[in-house]
Amino acid sequence: GILFLNRGRGGGLNVGEIWDVYTTGHEIRDPDTGEILGVEEFKVGQIRITQVLPKFSKAEPVRPGAQIPVGAICRRAAGADAPKPTEGSGSKRTHKPSW
């Protein structure tokens, strides 16, 4: 039930914020140039930031029991009412404990 994010203080996260969680799919390529234009993303859930530490942060799924995959991409939820900043920290990827 605890998720670890690879951003700590100063990274743009605040306790109580809601973040959307995405997994990635196929690369999208330009058919003419072969250039990678982006990657498909699929929203798989939401997390709430529970603690911001110096080098990482902790979060929990908004929906209890939700399966949040390791390596998922996290972005601040659009339109979510964020609390006033008390601790700063940003996040891109989730990590589950290795124990």
N, C-alpha and C. Protein backbone atom coordinates (compact mmCIF):
# COMPACT_ATOMS: atom_id res chain seq x y z
N GLY A 1 0.78 -1.21 0.00
CA GLY A 1 0.00 0.00 0.00
C GLY A 1 0.82 1.27 0.00
N ILE A 2 2.14 1.17 0.19
CA ILE A 2 2.98 2.36 0.18
C ILE A 2 3.77 2.38 -1.13
N LEU A 3 3.76 3.53 -1.78
CA LEU A 3 4.51 3.72 -3.02
C LEU A 3 5.64 4.70 -2.76
N PHE A 4 6.73 4.51 -3.44
CA PHE A 4 7.89 5.40 -3.31
C PHE A 4 8.09 6.12 -4.62
N LEU A 5 8.28 7.43 -4.54
CA LEU A 5 8.50 8.26 -5.72
C LEU A 5 9.91 8.82 -5.68
N ASN A 6 10.51 8.95 -6.84
CA ASN A 6 11.91 9.35 -6.89
C ASN A 6 12.13 10.86 -6.90
N ARG A 7 11.33 11.58 -6.16
CA ARG A 7 11.51 13.01 -5.95
C ARG A 7 11.30 13.31 -4.47
N GLY A 8 12.17 14.15 -3.93
CA GLY A 8 12.06 14.53 -2.53
C GLY A 8 11.83 16.02 -2.41
N ARG A 9 12.27 16.59 -1.30
CA ARG A 9 12.10 18.03 -1.06
C ARG A 9 12.68 18.83 -2.23
N GLY A 10 11.96 19.86 -2.61
CA GLY A 10 12.40 20.70 -3.72
C GLY A 10 11.99 20.18 -5.07
N GLY A 11 11.30 19.05 -5.13
CA GLY A 11 10.92 18.45 -6.40
C GLY A 11 9.50 18.72 -6.84
N GLY A 12 8.75 19.53 -6.08
CA GLY A 12 7.41 19.93 -6.52
C GLY A 12 6.25 19.15 -5.96
N LEU A 13 6.47 18.23 -5.02
CA LEU A 13 5.37 17.50 -4.40
C LEU A 13 5.02 18.12 -3.06
N ASN A 14 3.75 17.98 -2.67
CA ASN A 14 3.29 18.44 -1.37
C ASN A 14 2.38 17.39 -0.77
N VAL A 15 2.48 17.20 0.53
CA VAL A 15 1.64 16.24 1.23
C VAL A 15 0.17 16.56 0.96
N GLY A 16 -0.59 15.52 0.63
CA GLY A 16 -2.03 15.65 0.38
C GLY A 16 -2.39 15.81 -1.08
N GLU A 17 -1.43 16.10 -1.95
CA GLU A 17 -1.73 16.27 -3.37
C GLU A 17 -2.14 14.93 -3.99
N ILE A 18 -2.96 15.03 -5.02
CA ILE A 18 -3.37 13.86 -5.80
C ILE A 18 -2.61 13.90 -7.12
N TRP A 19 -2.03 12.76 -7.48
CA TRP A 19 -1.29 12.63 -8.74
C TRP A 19 -1.90 11.49 -9.55
N ASP A 20 -2.01 11.69 -10.87
CA ASP A 20 -2.46 10.64 -11.78
C ASP A 20 -1.29 9.72 -12.09
N VAL A 21 -1.59 8.43 -12.31
CA VAL A 21 -0.57 7.44 -12.59
C VAL A 21 -0.83 6.83 -13.97
N TYR A 22 0.23 6.74 -14.78
CA TYR A 22 0.13 6.24 -16.15
C TYR A 22 1.16 5.14 -16.39
N THR A 23 0.78 4.19 -17.25
CA THR A 23 1.75 3.24 -17.80
C THR A 23 1.92 3.59 -19.27
N THR A 24 3.00 3.10 -19.85
CA THR A 24 3.28 3.43 -21.24
C THR A 24 3.01 2.23 -22.14
N GLY A 25 2.71 2.54 -23.40
CA GLY A 25 2.46 1.51 -24.41
C GLY A 25 3.46 1.64 -25.54
N HIS A 26 2.97 1.55 -26.74
CA HIS A 26 3.81 1.57 -27.94
C HIS A 26 4.34 2.97 -28.25
N GLU A 27 5.50 2.99 -28.88
CA GLU A 27 6.03 4.25 -29.39
C GLU A 27 5.21 4.67 -30.60
N ILE A 28 5.03 5.97 -30.76
CA ILE A 28 4.33 6.52 -31.91
C ILE A 28 5.40 7.12 -32.82
N ARG A 29 5.50 6.60 -34.05
CA ARG A 29 6.54 7.03 -34.99
C ARG A 29 5.94 7.74 -36.19
N ASP A 30 6.66 8.72 -36.67
CA ASP A 30 6.29 9.40 -37.91
C ASP A 30 6.52 8.41 -39.04
N PRO A 31 5.50 8.11 -39.86
CA PRO A 31 5.66 7.10 -40.91
C PRO A 31 6.63 7.53 -42.01
N ASP A 32 6.84 8.82 -42.17
CA ASP A 32 7.75 9.29 -43.21
C ASP A 32 9.20 9.34 -42.76
N THR A 33 9.44 9.83 -41.55
CA THR A 33 10.82 10.02 -41.10
C THR A 33 11.30 8.93 -40.15
N GLY A 34 10.35 8.19 -39.55
CA GLY A 34 10.73 7.19 -38.56
C GLY A 34 11.01 7.78 -37.19
N GLU A 35 10.90 9.12 -37.09
CA GLU A 35 11.15 9.81 -35.82
C GLU A 35 10.11 9.38 -34.78
N ILE A 36 10.57 9.16 -33.56
CA ILE A 36 9.65 8.85 -32.46
C ILE A 36 8.98 10.15 -32.03
N LEU A 37 7.65 10.18 -32.13
CA LEU A 37 6.88 11.37 -31.80
C LEU A 37 6.41 11.37 -30.35
N GLY A 38 6.36 10.21 -29.75
CA GLY A 38 5.89 10.09 -28.37
C GLY A 38 5.59 8.64 -28.05
N VAL A 39 4.95 8.43 -26.93
CA VAL A 39 4.61 7.09 -26.47
C VAL A 39 3.17 7.11 -25.98
N GLU A 40 2.43 6.05 -26.29
CA GLU A 40 1.06 5.93 -25.76
C GLU A 40 1.12 5.90 -24.24
N GLU A 41 0.15 6.53 -23.60
CA GLU A 41 0.05 6.49 -22.13
C GLU A 41 -1.37 6.10 -21.74
N PHE A 42 -1.47 5.29 -20.70
CA PHE A 42 -2.76 4.82 -20.21
C PHE A 42 -2.86 5.12 -18.72
N LYS A 43 -3.90 5.86 -18.33
CA LYS A 43 -4.10 6.17 -16.91
C LYS A 43 -4.56 4.91 -16.19
N VAL A 44 -3.87 4.58 -15.10
CA VAL A 44 -4.19 3.37 -14.35
C VAL A 44 -4.66 3.64 -12.93
N GLY A 45 -4.63 4.90 -12.50
CA GLY A 45 -5.09 5.21 -11.15
C GLY A 45 -4.60 6.55 -10.68
N GLN A 46 -4.78 6.76 -9.36
CA GLN A 46 -4.34 7.99 -8.73
C GLN A 46 -3.70 7.65 -7.39
N ILE A 47 -2.76 8.52 -6.99
CA ILE A 47 -2.11 8.37 -5.69
C ILE A 47 -2.22 9.68 -4.92
N ARG A 48 -2.10 9.57 -3.59
CA ARG A 48 -2.09 10.74 -2.71
C ARG A 48 -0.72 10.78 -2.03
N ILE A 49 -0.06 11.92 -2.08
CA ILE A 49 1.24 12.08 -1.45
C ILE A 49 1.05 12.11 0.07
N THR A 50 1.77 11.24 0.77
CA THR A 50 1.61 11.14 2.22
C THR A 50 2.81 11.67 3.00
N GLN A 51 3.99 11.66 2.38
CA GLN A 51 5.18 12.13 3.09
C GLN A 51 6.22 12.56 2.05
N VAL A 52 6.88 13.69 2.31
CA VAL A 52 7.95 14.18 1.45
C VAL A 52 9.22 14.20 2.29
N LEU A 53 10.21 13.42 1.85
CA LEU A 53 11.48 13.30 2.56
C LEU A 53 12.59 13.95 1.73
N PRO A 54 13.80 14.05 2.25
CA PRO A 54 14.85 14.75 1.51
C PRO A 54 15.09 14.24 0.09
N LYS A 55 15.10 12.93 -0.13
CA LYS A 55 15.46 12.40 -1.44
C LYS A 55 14.35 11.61 -2.12
N PHE A 56 13.27 11.31 -1.45
CA PHE A 56 12.14 10.60 -2.05
C PHE A 56 10.87 10.94 -1.30
N SER A 57 9.75 10.53 -1.88
CA SER A 57 8.45 10.77 -1.24
C SER A 57 7.68 9.47 -1.15
N LYS A 58 6.68 9.46 -0.28
CA LYS A 58 5.81 8.31 -0.12
C LYS A 58 4.39 8.71 -0.53
N ALA A 59 3.65 7.73 -1.04
CA ALA A 59 2.27 7.96 -1.46
C ALA A 59 1.47 6.69 -1.22
N GLU A 60 0.15 6.82 -1.35
CA GLU A 60 -0.74 5.68 -1.25
C GLU A 60 -1.76 5.77 -2.37
N PRO A 61 -2.26 4.63 -2.85
CA PRO A 61 -3.31 4.68 -3.88
C PRO A 61 -4.55 5.37 -3.32
N VAL A 62 -5.21 6.19 -4.14
CA VAL A 62 -6.45 6.84 -3.73
C VAL A 62 -7.53 5.78 -3.52
N ARG A 63 -7.55 4.80 -4.40
CA ARG A 63 -8.50 3.68 -4.27
C ARG A 63 -7.78 2.53 -3.58
N PRO A 64 -8.15 2.21 -2.33
CA PRO A 64 -7.46 1.15 -1.60
C PRO A 64 -7.43 -0.15 -2.41
N GLY A 65 -6.27 -0.79 -2.39
CA GLY A 65 -6.10 -2.05 -3.09
C GLY A 65 -5.75 -1.91 -4.57
N ALA A 66 -5.72 -0.68 -5.08
CA ALA A 66 -5.38 -0.47 -6.49
C ALA A 66 -3.95 -0.94 -6.74
N GLN A 67 -3.73 -1.55 -7.88
CA GLN A 67 -2.40 -2.03 -8.26
C GLN A 67 -1.69 -0.96 -9.08
N ILE A 68 -0.68 -0.35 -8.50
CA ILE A 68 0.11 0.67 -9.19
C ILE A 68 1.42 0.01 -9.58
N PRO A 69 1.72 -0.10 -10.88
CA PRO A 69 2.91 -0.82 -11.32
C PRO A 69 4.21 -0.06 -11.04
N VAL A 70 5.26 -0.82 -10.76
CA VAL A 70 6.59 -0.25 -10.59
C VAL A 70 6.98 0.42 -11.91
N GLY A 71 7.58 1.59 -11.83
CA GLY A 71 8.03 2.30 -13.02
C GLY A 71 6.97 3.15 -13.68
N ALA A 72 5.79 3.25 -13.07
CA ALA A 72 4.72 4.07 -13.64
C ALA A 72 5.12 5.54 -13.63
N ILE A 73 4.51 6.30 -14.52
CA ILE A 73 4.75 7.74 -14.61
C ILE A 73 3.66 8.46 -13.81
N CYS A 74 4.06 9.43 -13.00
CA CYS A 74 3.11 10.16 -12.18
C CYS A 74 3.12 11.64 -12.57
N ARG A 75 1.91 12.21 -12.66
CA ARG A 75 1.76 13.63 -12.96
C ARG A 75 0.67 14.20 -12.05
N ARG A 76 0.88 15.43 -11.60
CA ARG A 76 -0.11 16.10 -10.76
C ARG A 76 -1.45 16.07 -11.48
N ALA A 77 -2.50 15.69 -10.77
CA ALA A 77 -3.84 15.59 -11.36
C ALA A 77 -4.33 16.98 -11.77
N ALA A 78 -4.84 17.08 -12.97
CA ALA A 78 -5.38 18.35 -13.47
C ALA A 78 -6.60 18.74 -12.65
N GLY A 79 -6.64 19.97 -12.22
CA GLY A 79 -7.79 20.47 -11.48
C GLY A 79 -7.88 20.00 -10.04
N ALA A 80 -6.92 19.21 -9.60
CA ALA A 80 -6.95 18.75 -8.21
C ALA A 80 -6.63 19.91 -7.29
N ASP A 81 -7.38 20.01 -6.23
CA ASP A 81 -7.12 21.05 -5.24
C ASP A 81 -5.90 20.65 -4.43
N ALA A 82 -4.81 21.32 -4.67
CA ALA A 82 -3.58 21.03 -3.95
C ALA A 82 -3.53 21.86 -2.68
N PRO A 83 -3.06 21.27 -1.59
CA PRO A 83 -2.90 22.05 -0.37
C PRO A 83 -1.79 23.07 -0.55
N LYS A 84 -1.76 24.06 0.32
CA LYS A 84 -0.68 25.04 0.26
C LYS A 84 0.64 24.32 0.50
N PRO A 85 1.67 24.68 -0.25
CA PRO A 85 2.96 24.00 -0.09
C PRO A 85 3.48 24.07 1.34
N THR A 86 3.79 22.90 1.87
CA THR A 86 4.42 22.81 3.18
C THR A 86 5.75 22.11 3.04
N GLU A 87 5.81 21.17 2.08
CA GLU A 87 7.05 20.46 1.80
C GLU A 87 7.13 20.35 0.29
N GLY A 88 8.26 20.69 -0.31
CA GLY A 88 8.39 20.61 -1.75
C GLY A 88 9.00 19.31 -2.18
N SER A 89 8.58 18.85 -3.41
CA SER A 89 9.18 17.67 -3.98
C SER A 89 8.41 17.24 -5.21
N GLY A 90 9.04 16.78 -6.30
CA GLY A 90 8.39 16.38 -7.55
C GLY A 90 8.54 14.91 -7.83
N SER A 91 7.77 14.36 -8.76
CA SER A 91 7.85 12.94 -8.97
C SER A 91 7.57 12.50 -10.38
N LYS A 92 8.28 11.51 -10.82
CA LYS A 92 8.07 10.95 -12.14
C LYS A 92 7.72 9.48 -12.08
N ARG A 93 8.41 8.72 -11.28
CA ARG A 93 8.24 7.28 -11.31
C ARG A 93 7.95 6.75 -9.91
N THR A 94 7.15 5.67 -9.86
CA THR A 94 6.86 5.04 -8.58
C THR A 94 7.78 3.84 -8.38
N HIS A 95 8.04 3.55 -7.14
CA HIS A 95 8.87 2.40 -6.79
C HIS A 95 8.22 1.72 -5.61
N LYS A 96 8.20 0.39 -5.64
CA LYS A 96 7.70 -0.35 -4.51
C LYS A 96 8.91 -0.80 -3.69
N PRO A 97 8.72 -1.01 -2.40
CA PRO A 97 9.85 -1.41 -1.57
C PRO A 97 10.44 -2.73 -2.06
N SER A 98 11.73 -2.89 -1.87
CA SER A 98 12.40 -4.11 -2.32
C SER A 98 12.42 -5.20 -1.25
N TRP A 99 11.88 -4.92 -0.10
CA TRP A 99 11.89 -5.94 0.95
C TRP A 99 10.64 -6.77 0.92
